[in-house]
Amino acid sequence: MQPLTRHKSTRSPGGSNCLETAATPATIRVRGSENPNGPRLAPRPATWTRFAVYAAGDAHGRSRGSRP
């Protein structure tokens, strides 16, 4: 198995205390950069997309929970 290519948020100061993501064909692997050996999530891509749209709601002037 090849190592995962992880991506960090560009909005985190110094690249710390943020989420890291890595895509596989079946899941999006998510972990905290401050504790890479700690708890992890592995939602399916469609679930991760719905979460990301919901979480970004405030950044686009919508209230959380509203549909895009």
PDB file of N, CA and C in Angstrom:
ATOM      1  N   MET A   1       0.840  -1.177   0.000  1.00  0.00           N
ATOM      2  CA  MET A   1       0.000   0.000   0.000  1.00  0.00           C
ATOM      3  C   MET A   1       0.889   1.245   0.000  1.00  0.00           C
ATOM      4  N   GLN A   2       0.573   2.202  -0.852  1.00  0.00           N
ATOM      5  CA  GLN A   2       1.332   3.440  -0.923  1.00  0.00           C
ATOM      6  C   GLN A   2       0.919   4.376   0.202  1.00  0.00           C
ATOM      7  N   PRO A   3       1.874   5.200   0.686  1.00  0.00           N
ATOM      8  CA  PRO A   3       1.504   6.163   1.729  1.00  0.00           C
ATOM      9  C   PRO A   3       0.500   7.183   1.190  1.00  0.00           C
ATOM     10  N   LEU A   4      -0.333   7.676   2.080  1.00  0.00           N
ATOM     11  CA  LEU A   4      -1.343   8.668   1.697  1.00  0.00           C
ATOM     12  C   LEU A   4      -0.707  10.037   1.506  1.00  0.00           C
ATOM     13  N   THR A   5      -1.203  10.781   0.540  1.00  0.00           N
ATOM     14  CA  THR A   5      -0.789  12.165   0.351  1.00  0.00           C
ATOM     15  C   THR A   5      -1.765  13.028   1.131  1.00  0.00           C
ATOM     16  N   ARG A   6      -1.266  13.674   2.173  1.00  0.00           N
ATOM     17  CA  ARG A   6      -2.121  14.472   3.049  1.00  0.00           C
ATOM     18  C   ARG A   6      -2.053  15.946   2.671  1.00  0.00           C
ATOM     19  N   HIS A   7      -3.183  16.636   2.874  1.00  0.00           N
ATOM     20  CA  HIS A   7      -3.279  18.062   2.582  1.00  0.00           C
ATOM     21  C   HIS A   7      -3.724  18.785   3.851  1.00  0.00           C
ATOM     22  N   LYS A   8      -3.063  19.917   4.136  1.00  0.00           N
ATOM     23  CA  LYS A   8      -3.430  20.747   5.286  1.00  0.00           C
ATOM     24  C   LYS A   8      -4.124  22.008   4.801  1.00  0.00           C
ATOM     25  N   SER A   9      -4.930  22.568   5.667  1.00  0.00           N
ATOM     26  CA  SER A   9      -5.604  23.816   5.356  1.00  0.00           C
ATOM     27  C   SER A   9      -4.583  24.926   5.133  1.00  0.00           C
ATOM     28  N   THR A  10      -4.825  25.756   4.129  1.00  0.00           N
ATOM     29  CA  THR A  10      -3.947  26.898   3.884  1.00  0.00           C
ATOM     30  C   THR A  10      -4.291  28.064   4.799  1.00  0.00           C
ATOM     31  N   ARG A  11      -5.387  27.956   5.535  1.00  0.00           N
ATOM     32  CA  ARG A  11      -5.812  29.040   6.429  1.00  0.00           C
ATOM     33  C   ARG A  11      -5.288  28.880   7.852  1.00  0.00           C
ATOM     34  N   SER A  12      -4.588  27.814   8.127  1.00  0.00           N
ATOM     35  CA  SER A  12      -4.067  27.597   9.481  1.00  0.00           C
ATOM     36  C   SER A  12      -2.718  28.285   9.627  1.00  0.00           C
ATOM     37  N   PRO A  13      -2.543  29.076  10.691  1.00  0.00           N
ATOM     38  CA  PRO A  13      -1.264  29.763  10.889  1.00  0.00           C
ATOM     39  C   PRO A  13      -0.130  28.766  11.085  1.00  0.00           C
ATOM     40  N   GLY A  14       0.846  28.831  10.225  1.00  0.00           N
ATOM     41  CA  GLY A  14       1.993  27.936  10.341  1.00  0.00           C
ATOM     42  C   GLY A  14       1.679  26.487  10.033  1.00  0.00           C
ATOM     43  N   GLY A  15       0.489  26.199   9.553  1.00  0.00           N
ATOM     44  CA  GLY A  15       0.122  24.825   9.219  1.00  0.00           C
ATOM     45  C   GLY A  15      -0.115  23.942  10.428  1.00  0.00           C
ATOM     46  N   SER A  16      -0.320  24.551  11.603  1.00  0.00           N
ATOM     47  CA  SER A  16      -0.549  23.748  12.806  1.00  0.00           C
ATOM     48  C   SER A  16      -1.997  23.850  13.248  1.00  0.00           C
ATOM     49  N   ASN A  17      -2.393  22.925  14.103  1.00  0.00           N
ATOM     50  CA  ASN A  17      -3.747  22.916  14.658  1.00  0.00           C
ATOM     51  C   ASN A  17      -4.830  22.996  13.586  1.00  0.00           C
ATOM     52  N   CYS A  18      -4.714  22.144  12.615  1.00  0.00           N
ATOM     53  CA  CYS A  18      -5.717  22.120  11.560  1.00  0.00           C
ATOM     54  C   CYS A  18      -6.049  20.661  11.229  1.00  0.00           C
ATOM     55  N   LEU A  19      -6.971  20.490  10.326  1.00  0.00           N
ATOM     56  CA  LEU A  19      -7.292  19.150   9.848  1.00  0.00           C
ATOM     57  C   LEU A  19      -6.423  18.820   8.648  1.00  0.00           C
ATOM     58  N   GLU A  20      -6.020  17.571   8.569  1.00  0.00           N
ATOM     59  CA  GLU A  20      -5.333  17.063   7.389  1.00  0.00           C
ATOM     60  C   GLU A  20      -6.263  16.070   6.718  1.00  0.00           C
ATOM     61  N   THR A  21      -6.320  16.119   5.406  1.00  0.00           N
ATOM     62  CA  THR A  21      -7.163  15.187   4.664  1.00  0.00           C
ATOM     63  C   THR A  21      -6.322  14.426   3.652  1.00  0.00           C
ATOM     64  N   ALA A  22      -6.765  13.228   3.352  1.00  0.00           N
ATOM     65  CA  ALA A  22      -6.138  12.396   2.326  1.00  0.00           C
ATOM     66  C   ALA A  22      -7.242  11.580   1.668  1.00  0.00           C
ATOM     67  N   ALA A  23      -7.303  11.627   0.354  1.00  0.00           N
ATOM     68  CA  ALA A  23      -8.362  10.927  -0.374  1.00  0.00           C
ATOM     69  C   ALA A  23      -7.912   9.531  -0.799  1.00  0.00           C
ATOM     70  N   THR A  24      -8.805   8.580  -0.616  1.00  0.00           N
ATOM     71  CA  THR A  24      -8.644   7.242  -1.167  1.00  0.00           C
ATOM     72  C   THR A  24      -9.878   7.007  -2.043  1.00  0.00           C
ATOM     73  N   PRO A  25      -9.901   5.966  -2.838  1.00  0.00           N
ATOM     74  CA  PRO A  25     -11.083   5.742  -3.672  1.00  0.00           C
ATOM     75  C   PRO A  25     -12.382   5.586  -2.862  1.00  0.00           C
ATOM     76  N   ALA A  26     -12.297   5.054  -1.655  1.00  0.00           N
ATOM     77  CA  ALA A  26     -13.505   4.767  -0.879  1.00  0.00           C
ATOM     78  C   ALA A  26     -13.783   5.755   0.252  1.00  0.00           C
ATOM     79  N   THR A  27     -12.763   6.470   0.724  1.00  0.00           N
ATOM     80  CA  THR A  27     -12.940   7.352   1.881  1.00  0.00           C
ATOM     81  C   THR A  27     -12.090   8.607   1.762  1.00  0.00           C
ATOM     82  N   ILE A  28     -12.424   9.575   2.600  1.00  0.00           N
ATOM     83  CA  ILE A  28     -11.589  10.748   2.810  1.00  0.00           C
ATOM     84  C   ILE A  28     -11.055  10.593   4.229  1.00  0.00           C
ATOM     85  N   ARG A  29      -9.767  10.434   4.373  1.00  0.00           N
ATOM     86  CA  ARG A  29      -9.169  10.256   5.697  1.00  0.00           C
ATOM     87  C   ARG A  29      -8.924  11.619   6.317  1.00  0.00           C
ATOM     88  N   VAL A  30      -9.359  11.801   7.556  1.00  0.00           N
ATOM     89  CA  VAL A  30      -9.259  13.084   8.245  1.00  0.00           C
ATOM     90  C   VAL A  30      -8.601  12.864   9.602  1.00  0.00           C
ATOM     91  N   ARG A  31      -7.626  13.724   9.911  1.00  0.00           N
ATOM     92  CA  ARG A  31      -6.985  13.672  11.234  1.00  0.00           C
ATOM     93  C   ARG A  31      -6.557  15.074  11.628  1.00  0.00           C
ATOM     94  N   GLY A  32      -6.291  15.252  12.911  1.00  0.00           N
ATOM     95  CA  GLY A  32      -5.811  16.536  13.412  1.00  0.00           C
ATOM     96  C   GLY A  32      -4.303  16.618  13.272  1.00  0.00           C
ATOM     97  N   SER A  33      -3.788  17.739  12.779  1.00  0.00           N
ATOM     98  CA  SER A  33      -2.339  17.869  12.581  1.00  0.00           C
ATOM     99  C   SER A  33      -1.579  17.904  13.902  1.00  0.00           C
ATOM    100  N   GLU A  34      -2.240  18.367  14.973  1.00  0.00           N
ATOM    101  CA  GLU A  34      -1.542  18.463  16.262  1.00  0.00           C
ATOM    102  C   GLU A  34      -1.365  17.104  16.927  1.00  0.00           C
ATOM    103  N   ASN A  35      -2.104  16.084  16.469  1.00  0.00           N
ATOM    104  CA  ASN A  35      -1.998  14.744  17.040  1.00  0.00           C
ATOM    105  C   ASN A  35      -2.212  13.706  15.931  1.00  0.00           C
ATOM    106  N   PRO A  36      -1.217  13.534  15.036  1.00  0.00           N
ATOM    107  CA  PRO A  36      -1.416  12.654  13.883  1.00  0.00           C
ATOM    108  C   PRO A  36      -1.662  11.193  14.236  1.00  0.00           C
ATOM    109  N   ASN A  37      -1.333  10.780  15.435  1.00  0.00           N
ATOM    110  CA  ASN A  37      -1.585   9.397  15.847  1.00  0.00           C
ATOM    111  C   ASN A  37      -2.864   9.262  16.668  1.00  0.00           C
ATOM    112  N   GLY A  38      -3.592  10.357  16.800  1.00  0.00           N
ATOM    113  CA  GLY A  38      -4.819  10.364  17.586  1.00  0.00           C
ATOM    114  C   GLY A  38      -6.018   9.893  16.784  1.00  0.00           C
ATOM    115  N   PRO A  39      -7.208  10.244  17.238  1.00  0.00           N
ATOM    116  CA  PRO A  39      -8.441   9.817  16.565  1.00  0.00           C
ATOM    117  C   PRO A  39      -8.493  10.281  15.110  1.00  0.00           C
ATOM    118  N   ARG A  40      -9.141   9.477  14.292  1.00  0.00           N
ATOM    119  CA  ARG A  40      -9.268   9.778  12.865  1.00  0.00           C
ATOM    120  C   ARG A  40     -10.692   9.493  12.402  1.00  0.00           C
ATOM    121  N   LEU A  41     -11.066  10.146  11.341  1.00  0.00           N
ATOM    122  CA  LEU A  41     -12.356   9.895  10.689  1.00  0.00           C
ATOM    123  C   LEU A  41     -12.077   9.381   9.281  1.00  0.00           C
ATOM    124  N   ALA A  42     -13.010   8.613   8.751  1.00  0.00           N
ATOM    125  CA  ALA A  42     -12.879   8.123   7.376  1.00  0.00           C
ATOM    126  C   ALA A  42     -14.255   8.088   6.706  1.00  0.00           C
ATOM    127  N   PRO A  43     -14.870   9.272   6.518  1.00  0.00           N
ATOM    128  CA  PRO A  43     -16.178   9.286   5.864  1.00  0.00           C
ATOM    129  C   PRO A  43     -16.059   8.996   4.364  1.00  0.00           C
ATOM    130  N   ARG A  44     -17.155   8.570   3.786  1.00  0.00           N
ATOM    131  CA  ARG A  44     -17.212   8.385   2.337  1.00  0.00           C
ATOM    132  C   ARG A  44     -17.168   9.758   1.678  1.00  0.00           C
ATOM    133  N   PRO A  45     -16.710   9.836   0.428  1.00  0.00           N
ATOM    134  CA  PRO A  45     -16.595  11.145  -0.233  1.00  0.00           C
ATOM    135  C   PRO A  45     -17.886  11.968  -0.234  1.00  0.00           C
ATOM    136  N   ALA A  46     -19.031  11.360  -0.477  1.00  0.00           N
ATOM    137  CA  ALA A  46     -20.295  12.122  -0.502  1.00  0.00           C
ATOM    138  C   ALA A  46     -20.603  12.705   0.874  1.00  0.00           C
ATOM    139  N   THR A  47     -20.330  11.959   1.928  1.00  0.00           N
ATOM    140  CA  THR A  47     -20.569  12.443   3.291  1.00  0.00           C
ATOM    141  C   THR A  47     -19.638  13.607   3.609  1.00  0.00           C
ATOM    142  N   TRP A  48     -18.369  13.493   3.238  1.00  0.00           N
ATOM    143  CA  TRP A  48     -17.398  14.562   3.477  1.00  0.00           C
ATOM    144  C   TRP A  48     -17.804  15.827   2.709  1.00  0.00           C
ATOM    145  N   THR A  49     -18.270  15.671   1.488  1.00  0.00           N
ATOM    146  CA  THR A  49     -18.689  16.820   0.691  1.00  0.00           C
ATOM    147  C   THR A  49     -19.858  17.534   1.353  1.00  0.00           C
ATOM    148  N   ARG A  50     -20.849  16.782   1.837  1.00  0.00           N
ATOM    149  CA  ARG A  50     -21.984  17.409   2.521  1.00  0.00           C
ATOM    150  C   ARG A  50     -21.524  18.155   3.770  1.00  0.00           C
ATOM    151  N   PHE A  51     -20.601  17.561   4.529  1.00  0.00           N
ATOM    152  CA  PHE A  51     -20.073  18.227   5.718  1.00  0.00           C
ATOM    153  C   PHE A  51     -19.336  19.508   5.331  1.00  0.00           C
ATOM    154  N   ALA A  52     -18.493  19.459   4.318  1.00  0.00           N
ATOM    155  CA  ALA A  52     -17.710  20.628   3.908  1.00  0.00           C
ATOM    156  C   ALA A  52     -18.617  21.765   3.451  1.00  0.00           C
ATOM    157  N   VAL A  53     -19.670  21.451   2.709  1.00  0.00           N
ATOM    158  CA  VAL A  53     -20.624  22.471   2.269  1.00  0.00           C
ATOM    159  C   VAL A  53     -21.312  23.088   3.481  1.00  0.00           C
ATOM    160  N   TYR A  54     -21.720  22.267   4.425  1.00  0.00           N
ATOM    161  CA  TYR A  54     -22.364  22.760   5.643  1.00  0.00           C
ATOM    162  C   TYR A  54     -21.410  23.652   6.445  1.00  0.00           C
ATOM    163  N   ALA A  55     -20.172  23.190   6.633  1.00  0.00           N
ATOM    164  CA  ALA A  55     -19.202  23.936   7.439  1.00  0.00           C
ATOM    165  C   ALA A  55     -18.824  25.261   6.787  1.00  0.00           C
ATOM    166  N   ALA A  56     -18.819  25.324   5.478  1.00  0.00           N
ATOM    167  CA  ALA A  56     -18.462  26.550   4.771  1.00  0.00           C
ATOM    168  C   ALA A  56     -19.620  27.538   4.706  1.00  0.00           C
ATOM    169  N   GLY A  57     -20.780  27.173   5.184  1.00  0.00           N
ATOM    170  CA  GLY A  57     -21.953  28.031   5.104  1.00  0.00           C
ATOM    171  C   GLY A  57     -21.732  29.432   5.619  1.00  0.00           C
ATOM    172  N   ASP A  58     -21.076  29.598   6.760  1.00  0.00           N
ATOM    173  CA  ASP A  58     -20.843  30.916   7.331  1.00  0.00           C
ATOM    174  C   ASP A  58     -19.938  31.758   6.438  1.00  0.00           C
ATOM    175  N   ALA A  59     -18.989  31.149   5.779  1.00  0.00           N
ATOM    176  CA  ALA A  59     -18.042  31.882   4.945  1.00  0.00           C
ATOM    177  C   ALA A  59     -18.709  32.480   3.712  1.00  0.00           C
ATOM    178  N   HIS A  60     -19.873  31.993   3.339  1.00  0.00           N
ATOM    179  CA  HIS A  60     -20.554  32.472   2.143  1.00  0.00           C
ATOM    180  C   HIS A  60     -21.837  33.233   2.476  1.00  0.00           C
ATOM    181  N   GLY A  61     -21.957  33.662   3.723  1.00  0.00           N
ATOM    182  CA  GLY A  61     -23.094  34.479   4.105  1.00  0.00           C
ATOM    183  C   GLY A  61     -24.380  33.705   4.356  1.00  0.00           C
ATOM    184  N   ARG A  62     -24.310  32.407   4.366  1.00  0.00           N
ATOM    185  CA  ARG A  62     -25.512  31.596   4.656  1.00  0.00           C
ATOM    186  C   ARG A  62     -25.445  31.162   6.112  1.00  0.00           C
ATOM    187  N   SER A  63     -26.584  30.938   6.697  1.00  0.00           N
ATOM    188  CA  SER A  63     -26.586  30.414   8.051  1.00  0.00           C
ATOM    189  C   SER A  63     -26.337  28.911   7.987  1.00  0.00           C
ATOM    190  N   ARG A  64     -25.752  28.371   9.016  1.00  0.00           N
ATOM    191  CA  ARG A  64     -25.480  26.938   9.048  1.00  0.00           C
ATOM    192  C   ARG A  64     -26.784  26.179   8.969  1.00  0.00           C
ATOM    193  N   GLY A  65     -26.758  25.103   8.206  1.00  0.00           N
ATOM    194  CA  GLY A  65     -27.939  24.273   8.050  1.00  0.00           C
ATOM    195  C   GLY A  65     -28.774  24.649   6.846  1.00  0.00           C
ATOM    196  N   SER A  66     -28.495  25.806   6.229  1.00  0.00           N
ATOM    197  CA  SER A  66     -29.256  26.158   5.028  1.00  0.00           C
ATOM    198  C   SER A  66     -28.673  25.427   3.826  1.00  0.00           C
ATOM    199  N   ARG A  67     -29.494  25.216   2.867  1.00  0.00           N
ATOM    200  CA  ARG A  67     -29.047  24.517   1.653  1.00  0.00           C
ATOM    201  C   ARG A  67     -28.366  25.498   0.712  1.00  0.00           C
ATOM    202  N   PRO A  68     -27.279  25.063   0.030  1.00  0.00           N
ATOM    203  CA  PRO A  68     -26.603  25.965  -0.933  1.00  0.00           C
ATOM    204  C   PRO A  68     -27.456  26.227  -2.155  1.00  0.00           C
TER     205      PRO A  68
END
